[in-house]
Amino acid sequence: MSERNPIPLILTAIGSVVGTVAALSYYGYLHIAKPEDALLLAEFTMLKTVPGQDYKVSLTRADQIAQCIDGVLVLFDTQQRGLSGVLVNDRKQAVRCVGEETPQATQ
């Protein structure tokens, strides 16, 4: 009985994992999120509307578009194509909405 050297098997396993991760990343199936990809809930503020009280908002449009999909409010970023996310509160509960629309291409 001859003993097998485990080093080639270990190197083959490590090489296979690295090659698989590299191929998945190259073809776009693997995305490593960066901090700038995420928008924190703290960056948004809800303005409560009170009858008879005026409030001011900027005339400049935000970089995000919100749509109701399957009863959940989904934000799409117009600056970074493909970046989207679900609006959640501080307990990571999705913000619900009424109605359902199919996302349309932005101009």
Protein backbone atom coordinates (compact mmCIF):
# COMPACT_ATOMS: atom_id res chain seq x y z
CA MET A 1 0.00 0.00 0.00
CA SER A 2 1.38 3.32 -0.98
CA GLU A 3 0.55 6.53 0.82
CA ARG A 4 -0.87 9.39 -1.23
CA ASN A 5 0.58 12.86 -0.99
CA PRO A 6 -2.35 15.18 0.00
CA ILE A 7 -0.65 18.41 -1.11
CA PRO A 8 -1.58 18.11 -4.84
CA LEU A 9 -5.20 17.39 -3.88
CA ILE A 10 -5.34 20.41 -1.57
CA LEU A 11 -3.76 22.68 -4.20
CA THR A 12 -6.21 21.37 -6.82
CA ALA A 13 -9.18 22.10 -4.52
CA ILE A 14 -7.94 25.63 -3.77
CA GLY A 15 -7.25 26.30 -7.46
CA SER A 16 -10.72 25.04 -8.39
CA VAL A 17 -12.40 27.35 -5.89
CA VAL A 18 -10.33 30.37 -7.00
CA GLY A 19 -10.99 29.58 -10.68
CA THR A 20 -14.72 29.17 -10.09
CA VAL A 21 -14.96 32.46 -8.18
CA ALA A 22 -12.97 34.26 -10.88
CA ALA A 23 -15.17 32.86 -13.67
CA LEU A 24 -18.40 33.74 -11.84
CA SER A 25 -17.15 37.25 -11.17
CA TYR A 26 -16.00 37.74 -14.77
CA TYR A 27 -19.38 36.73 -16.22
CA GLY A 28 -21.32 38.87 -13.75
CA TYR A 29 -22.85 36.12 -11.63
CA LEU A 30 -20.93 37.19 -8.55
CA HIS A 31 -21.06 40.74 -7.25
CA ILE A 32 -19.13 41.92 -4.21
CA ALA A 33 -21.08 44.77 -2.66
CA LYS A 34 -19.17 47.93 -1.89
CA PRO A 35 -20.17 50.45 0.77
CA GLU A 36 -20.98 53.04 -1.89
CA ASP A 37 -23.51 50.61 -3.44
CA ALA A 38 -25.75 50.79 -0.38
CA LEU A 39 -28.01 53.65 0.58
CA LEU A 40 -28.67 53.82 4.28
CA LEU A 41 -32.13 54.48 5.63
CA ALA A 42 -30.61 57.39 7.54
CA GLU A 43 -30.15 59.17 4.20
CA PHE A 44 -33.92 59.39 3.78
CA THR A 45 -36.33 61.45 5.84
CA MET A 46 -40.09 61.25 5.88
CA LEU A 47 -41.86 64.60 5.85
CA LYS A 48 -45.12 64.34 7.73
CA THR A 49 -47.85 66.34 6.08
CA VAL A 50 -50.07 68.30 8.43
CA PRO A 51 -53.18 70.03 7.05
CA GLY A 52 -52.66 73.79 6.89
CA GLN A 53 -48.90 73.60 7.43
CA ASP A 54 -46.48 74.42 4.62
CA TYR A 55 -43.27 72.52 4.02
CA LYS A 56 -40.51 73.03 1.49
CA VAL A 57 -38.82 70.48 -0.72
CA SER A 58 -36.13 70.89 -3.34
CA LEU A 59 -37.19 71.21 -6.96
CA THR A 60 -34.20 69.08 -7.96
CA ARG A 61 -35.12 65.44 -8.52
CA ALA A 62 -33.56 62.69 -6.41
CA ASP A 63 -31.30 60.06 -7.99
CA GLN A 64 -33.75 57.34 -6.95
CA ILE A 65 -37.12 56.26 -8.34
CA ALA A 66 -39.55 54.32 -6.15
CA GLN A 67 -42.02 51.78 -7.50
CA CYS A 68 -44.47 49.41 -5.88
CA ILE A 69 -43.63 45.82 -6.81
CA ASP A 70 -45.49 42.94 -5.17
CA GLY A 71 -46.66 45.28 -2.41
CA VAL A 72 -43.12 46.36 -1.44
CA LEU A 73 -41.54 49.76 -2.13
CA VAL A 74 -38.48 49.23 -4.32
CA LEU A 75 -35.94 51.99 -5.05
CA PHE A 76 -34.08 52.14 -8.34
CA ASP A 77 -30.98 54.35 -8.67
CA THR A 78 -30.87 56.36 -11.89
CA GLN A 79 -27.16 57.20 -11.62
CA GLN A 80 -25.85 53.64 -11.14
CA ARG A 81 -27.67 51.37 -13.58
CA GLY A 82 -28.72 48.05 -12.12
CA LEU A 83 -28.58 49.26 -8.54
CA SER A 84 -31.87 48.67 -6.79
CA GLY A 85 -33.05 47.86 -3.32
CA VAL A 86 -35.99 47.52 -0.99
CA LEU A 87 -36.76 50.38 1.38
CA VAL A 88 -36.72 49.05 4.95
CA ASN A 89 -37.10 50.57 8.41
CA ASP A 90 -34.62 50.33 11.28
CA ARG A 91 -35.86 46.80 12.07
CA LYS A 92 -35.18 45.64 8.48
CA GLN A 93 -38.94 45.42 7.78
CA ALA A 94 -39.87 46.22 4.19
CA VAL A 95 -41.94 49.35 3.62
CA ARG A 96 -45.26 48.24 2.12
CA CYS A 97 -47.19 50.08 -0.56
CA VAL A 98 -50.56 49.89 -2.26
CA GLY A 99 -50.75 49.00 -5.92
CA GLU A 100 -48.44 47.17 -8.21
CA GLU A 101 -46.62 48.44 -11.27
CA THR A 102 -44.18 46.95 -13.70
CA PRO A 103 -40.87 48.87 -13.75
CA GLN A 104 -40.46 51.03 -16.84
CA ALA A 105 -37.23 52.20 -18.44
CA THR A 106 -36.19 55.65 -17.22
CA GLN A 107 -35.41 58.44 -19.68
